[in-house]
Structures are given as C-alpha cells and as structure tokens.
Amino acid sequence: MAALSGTLLLVALIGAVRDGGRSASTSPPAPRAAAVPEAATTGPATTQVAGAAPSGSAASAPGAGAGPSPSAGPDDPGPGGHAPLAPSTPIRLTIAGIGVAAPLLALGSDDRGRPELPPYSMPGTAGWLRDSPTPGAQGAAVVAGHVDTVDGPAVFWALSTVKAGASVEVTRVDGSTAVFTVDDIRTYPRKAFPDEAVYGPTRRAELRIITCGGRFDRTEHEYTSNVILFAHLTGAH
C-alpha cells in the first residue's frame, strides 16, 4: 500500500456494527470518508458512550493536534515537544485516565486498500496502522480500535471522554516508552473526515487514535461518525 501521506486511503474507521444481535465487519471505505463520535450512541439494545462531545466545531482544525508549525525542523519538536525517537514497533498502548492498557496489533490493508481492523473476538486490543510511522518517530502514527462489539464495550469505549492535557503512553519493542500529551479530541461526520490532519506528514512526532462514534444508523448498519484523538510526543523513558 502506498504511503498514507500520498494516497490517504485509510479513512473512516468504524466500530462494531449491530444487526439483530450479529456483528458485521464494515471496513472503512477506501477513498475519503471518515468520522468521529459525539456522545456516541451505540446500536440497538446498547447503552450510550459516556462523555460529552469535544468542544469546538467538528469542521474546524484541531489546533495543536494538526501538526507543528511550518518552521519546525525534523529535530525541532516545537514548543513543549520532545525530539522524535528512532522507529520501533509499538506493542502496547496505555491511557491511564480511562483505564486502557491494550496490546497493539500491526494492521495492514485489504486488496481494496481498506485498513484491517482488530478482530471482534479481541475487543480489548487496538491496532497500529503499519503504513503510518511508528509511535514516537517523526510523523503521525495512527492507532485504531473498536468502541464496542455486540458483547459490550471495547477498547476505546471511553475515548471521547479523554481531556486535552491527558497522557498517552506507547510501549515499543526496543524497550522504550513514548509519552504523548493529548492536544484535542474531535468528532467528525464520516463525510467530513480531515484526511490531511490525520494522515498528512508532520515534522514532529504525533499520534492519532481513531474509533467510531456518533449515532448508530440502523439502516446503514454503521456509526455515523468517528472520534479522533490528536496528541504529540512530550517525553520518553
């Protein structure tokens, strides 16, 4: 698959789809659509995701999460940032504020260029899109996971409740841990997904976490939006 910054094929990541109690895999469409949840309402016979929608307009840019200033160089992390780390495969994601401590799978794409999603049988697992940079390295690393399955909440059930300033840690195979600070969390309708802000190149080390949200459309059998967390590297140990 071509680099994300060139083709931007990885778009709307959707969580569990509910149809009469059955889950169905609905991989994101290949071109440009994607979205994020407001106070996400799940499908039939499920409860609402806790937390209010992020502040600000869904159509506006996500501030610091959109990337560094144009003047920042490859080794310039920008204000409050940390110099990018050498690439290393991520193996675990921790968001202590919402009780997430999830193993990470390396996700590829299918023959239509759509990203793989973690299997529904592993609701507590998230996935790193391996066509994106490794978390902590220069660029925007992308992580995706379900908000729920037919059996209940999944790894990013409470993602929409994370606040700006919260910490996200990614343990890497080289033994290091990349520490990110959350800049913003936004909800985008699937047809208004900010491709460039999520998948475009950045000069500092950044992180995007995507899950589904918004209203569950019983006709289309999918969520109407995606939640996107934007963060940047602020430490390592």
Protein backbone atom coordinates (compact mmCIF):
# COMPACT_ATOMS: atom_id res chain seq x y z
CA MET A 1 0.00 0.00 0.00
CA ALA A 2 1.28 3.47 -0.85
CA ALA A 3 2.36 5.83 1.92
CA LEU A 4 -0.50 7.41 3.81
CA SER A 5 0.69 10.93 3.06
CA GLY A 6 0.37 10.23 -0.65
CA THR A 7 -2.86 8.33 -1.14
CA LEU A 8 -4.74 8.90 2.12
CA LEU A 9 -6.58 5.64 1.60
CA LEU A 10 -7.10 4.89 5.26
CA VAL A 11 -10.24 6.68 6.23
CA ALA A 12 -13.47 6.01 8.13
CA LEU A 13 -12.73 3.52 10.87
CA ILE A 14 -15.93 2.04 12.19
CA GLY A 15 -16.58 0.07 15.35
CA ALA A 16 -18.90 -2.85 15.83
CA VAL A 17 -21.89 -2.97 13.53
CA ARG A 18 -25.07 -4.30 15.05
CA ASP A 19 -27.78 -6.04 13.09
CA GLY A 20 -30.23 -8.16 15.00
CA GLY A 21 -27.59 -9.06 17.57
CA ARG A 22 -24.97 -10.03 14.99
CA SER A 23 -21.73 -8.21 14.37
CA ALA A 24 -20.67 -7.49 10.83
CA SER A 25 -17.31 -6.23 9.69
CA THR A 26 -17.64 -2.99 7.75
CA SER A 27 -14.15 -1.93 6.83
CA PRO A 28 -13.75 1.76 6.12
CA PRO A 29 -14.29 2.89 2.54
CA ALA A 30 -11.08 3.32 0.60
CA PRO A 31 -11.34 6.94 -0.63
CA ARG A 32 -12.04 9.89 1.64
CA ALA A 33 -14.64 9.47 4.30
CA ALA A 34 -14.26 9.09 8.00
CA ALA A 35 -15.68 10.39 11.20
CA VAL A 36 -15.60 10.70 14.96
CA PRO A 37 -18.18 10.37 17.77
CA GLU A 38 -20.04 12.93 19.71
CA ALA A 39 -21.61 11.50 22.84
CA ALA A 40 -21.65 8.30 20.84
CA THR A 41 -24.88 6.35 20.73
CA THR A 42 -24.39 2.68 20.08
CA GLY A 43 -26.61 0.39 18.05
CA PRO A 44 -29.76 -1.44 19.02
CA ALA A 45 -30.09 -2.64 22.61
CA THR A 46 -26.90 -0.98 23.85
CA THR A 47 -26.16 1.95 26.11
CA GLN A 48 -24.65 5.33 25.31
CA VAL A 49 -20.94 6.04 25.42
CA ALA A 50 -20.15 8.20 28.41
CA GLY A 51 -18.89 11.73 27.96
CA ALA A 52 -19.80 14.82 26.00
CA ALA A 53 -18.62 15.73 22.55
CA PRO A 54 -15.28 17.58 22.34
CA SER A 55 -15.57 21.34 22.44
CA GLY A 56 -15.41 23.35 19.23
CA SER A 57 -16.76 22.86 15.76
CA ALA A 58 -16.31 19.44 14.23
CA ALA A 59 -15.34 21.06 10.96
CA SER A 60 -12.60 23.23 12.43
CA ALA A 61 -8.95 22.28 12.61
CA PRO A 62 -7.90 20.51 15.82
CA GLY A 63 -5.33 23.06 16.88
CA ALA A 64 -2.04 21.62 18.10
CA GLY A 65 -3.05 18.14 17.05
CA ALA A 66 -2.87 19.11 13.39
CA GLY A 67 0.93 19.24 13.35
CA PRO A 68 3.85 21.52 14.18
CA SER A 69 4.44 24.99 12.85
CA PRO A 70 5.92 25.10 9.32
CA SER A 71 9.18 26.41 10.76
CA ALA A 72 9.82 23.30 12.84
CA GLY A 73 12.58 21.09 11.50
CA PRO A 74 12.87 17.27 11.75
CA ASP A 75 14.76 17.59 15.04
CA ASP A 76 12.74 20.53 16.35
CA PRO A 77 9.85 19.22 18.45
CA GLY A 78 8.23 22.63 18.73
CA PRO A 79 7.05 24.25 21.99
CA GLY A 80 6.64 21.71 24.76
CA GLY A 81 7.54 18.83 22.48
CA HIS A 82 10.18 16.11 22.51
CA ALA A 83 12.63 15.22 19.77
CA PRO A 84 11.39 12.29 17.64
CA LEU A 85 12.59 8.81 18.58
CA ALA A 86 14.12 6.21 16.30
CA PRO A 87 11.43 3.97 14.72
CA SER A 88 10.42 0.94 16.80
CA THR A 89 7.33 -1.28 16.54
CA PRO A 90 4.67 -0.44 19.17
CA ILE A 91 3.38 -3.27 21.34
CA ARG A 92 1.16 -1.67 24.00
CA LEU A 93 -0.98 1.45 24.42
CA THR A 94 -1.84 2.91 27.83
CA ILE A 95 -4.33 5.69 28.59
CA ALA A 96 -4.40 5.59 32.37
CA GLY A 97 -7.16 8.19 32.66
CA ILE A 98 -9.74 5.86 31.10
CA GLY A 99 -8.26 2.54 32.22
CA VAL A 100 -6.89 1.47 28.84
CA ALA A 101 -3.87 -0.86 28.81
CA ALA A 102 -4.17 -2.55 25.45
CA PRO A 103 -1.90 -4.72 23.34
CA LEU A 104 -1.32 -3.39 19.84
CA LEU A 105 -1.59 -5.38 16.64
CA ALA A 106 0.14 -4.27 13.44
CA LEU A 107 -2.66 -3.69 10.92
CA GLY A 108 -2.30 -3.81 7.16
CA SER A 109 -4.85 -3.29 4.42
CA ASP A 110 -7.01 -5.49 2.21
CA ASP A 111 -6.85 -5.81 -1.57
CA ARG A 112 -9.09 -2.74 -1.91
CA GLY A 113 -6.77 -0.55 0.14
CA ARG A 114 -9.02 -0.50 3.21
CA PRO A 115 -7.39 -0.85 6.63
CA GLU A 116 -7.74 -4.03 8.59
CA LEU A 117 -9.43 -3.73 11.97
CA PRO A 118 -8.70 -5.68 15.16
CA PRO A 119 -10.91 -8.81 15.27
CA TYR A 120 -14.18 -8.51 17.20
CA SER A 121 -13.04 -11.53 19.21
CA MET A 122 -10.32 -9.30 20.74
CA PRO A 123 -12.32 -6.26 21.94
CA GLY A 124 -9.58 -5.13 24.33
CA THR A 125 -6.95 -4.93 21.58
CA ALA A 126 -6.12 -1.90 19.43
CA GLY A 127 -4.19 -1.75 16.18
CA TRP A 128 -1.37 0.36 14.83
CA LEU A 129 -1.61 1.07 11.09
CA ARG A 130 1.78 -0.11 9.95
CA ASP A 131 1.76 2.13 6.87
CA SER A 132 1.97 5.06 9.30
CA PRO A 133 5.11 5.97 11.30
CA THR A 134 5.79 4.03 14.48
CA PRO A 135 4.58 5.95 17.57
CA GLY A 136 7.34 8.26 18.77
CA ALA A 137 9.04 8.52 15.38
CA GLN A 138 8.67 11.60 13.24
CA GLY A 139 5.24 11.86 11.62
CA ALA A 140 1.69 10.99 12.58
CA ALA A 141 1.34 7.44 13.93
CA VAL A 142 -2.22 6.12 13.60
CA VAL A 143 -3.91 3.73 16.04
CA ALA A 144 -7.45 2.37 15.60
CA GLY A 145 -9.82 0.23 17.62
CA HIS A 146 -13.48 -0.58 18.23
CA VAL A 147 -15.69 1.37 20.58
CA ASP A 148 -17.86 -1.70 21.27
CA THR A 149 -18.95 -5.09 20.00
CA VAL A 150 -22.24 -6.96 20.35
CA ASP A 151 -20.91 -8.32 23.63
CA GLY A 152 -20.29 -4.92 25.23
CA PRO A 153 -17.75 -2.08 25.44
CA ALA A 154 -14.45 -2.41 23.58
CA VAL A 155 -11.03 -0.83 23.97
CA PHE A 156 -11.97 2.75 23.02
CA TRP A 157 -15.42 2.86 24.63
CA ALA A 158 -14.46 5.90 26.72
CA LEU A 159 -12.09 7.60 24.24
CA SER A 160 -14.44 10.57 23.78
CA THR A 161 -14.11 11.41 27.49
CA VAL A 162 -10.34 11.96 27.39
CA LYS A 163 -9.40 15.58 28.02
CA ALA A 164 -6.72 17.77 26.46
CA GLY A 165 -3.54 17.52 28.52
CA ALA A 166 -4.04 13.84 29.36
CA SER A 167 -1.17 11.41 28.89
CA VAL A 168 -0.99 8.53 26.42
CA GLU A 169 1.91 6.08 26.56
CA VAL A 170 3.06 3.64 23.89
CA THR A 171 5.44 0.83 24.83
CA ARG A 172 7.74 -0.14 21.96
CA VAL A 173 9.62 -3.31 21.10
CA ASP A 174 13.01 -1.64 21.74
CA GLY A 175 12.05 -1.30 25.40
CA SER A 176 11.32 2.42 25.29
CA THR A 177 8.02 4.12 26.07
CA ALA A 178 6.87 7.11 24.03
CA VAL A 179 4.83 9.56 26.10
CA PHE A 180 2.28 11.74 24.31
CA THR A 181 0.19 14.65 25.55
CA VAL A 182 -3.34 14.98 24.19
CA ASP A 183 -3.94 18.18 22.20
CA ASP A 184 -7.57 17.67 21.29
CA ILE A 185 -10.37 15.18 20.66
CA ARG A 186 -12.80 15.83 17.86
CA THR A 187 -15.90 14.28 16.35
CA TYR A 188 -16.24 14.29 12.57
CA PRO A 189 -19.11 13.06 10.39
CA ARG A 190 -17.85 10.32 8.11
CA LYS A 191 -18.19 12.52 5.03
CA ALA A 192 -16.11 15.29 6.59
CA PHE A 193 -13.10 13.31 7.75
CA PRO A 194 -9.95 15.51 7.96
CA ASP A 195 -7.62 13.36 5.84
CA GLU A 196 -4.71 15.77 5.86
CA ALA A 197 -4.84 16.46 9.61
CA VAL A 198 -4.91 12.74 10.41
CA TYR A 199 -2.74 11.12 7.74
CA GLY A 200 -0.71 14.03 6.37
CA PRO A 201 3.02 14.44 7.05
CA THR A 202 4.21 16.24 10.19
CA ARG A 203 7.70 17.34 11.21
CA ARG A 204 7.37 16.30 14.82
CA ALA A 205 6.27 13.01 16.41
CA GLU A 206 2.48 12.88 16.74
CA LEU A 207 -0.25 10.35 17.43
CA ARG A 208 -3.81 9.87 16.19
CA ILE A 209 -6.26 7.44 17.80
CA ILE A 210 -9.45 6.70 15.88
CA THR A 211 -12.63 4.90 16.88
CA CYS A 212 -16.28 5.05 15.89
CA GLY A 213 -18.99 7.16 17.41
CA GLY A 214 -21.92 9.41 16.76
CA ARG A 215 -25.31 7.82 16.10
CA PHE A 216 -25.75 4.21 15.09
CA ASP A 217 -27.55 4.21 11.74
CA ARG A 218 -29.84 1.16 11.73
CA THR A 219 -30.45 1.49 8.00
CA GLU A 220 -26.79 1.61 7.00
CA HIS A 221 -25.75 -0.66 9.90
CA GLU A 222 -22.85 1.57 10.89
CA TYR A 223 -21.94 4.53 13.06
CA THR A 224 -22.29 7.99 11.58
CA SER A 225 -19.07 9.47 12.94
CA ASN A 226 -15.54 8.78 14.20
CA VAL A 227 -13.78 10.11 17.28
CA ILE A 228 -10.18 11.21 16.70
CA LEU A 229 -7.68 11.92 19.45
CA PHE A 230 -4.76 14.18 18.47
CA ALA A 231 -1.57 14.10 20.56
CA HIS A 232 2.13 14.94 20.27
CA LEU A 233 5.30 13.45 21.79
CA THR A 234 6.35 15.13 25.02
CA GLY A 235 8.61 12.56 26.65
CA ALA A 236 10.22 9.12 26.55
CA HIS A 237 11.61 6.65 29.05
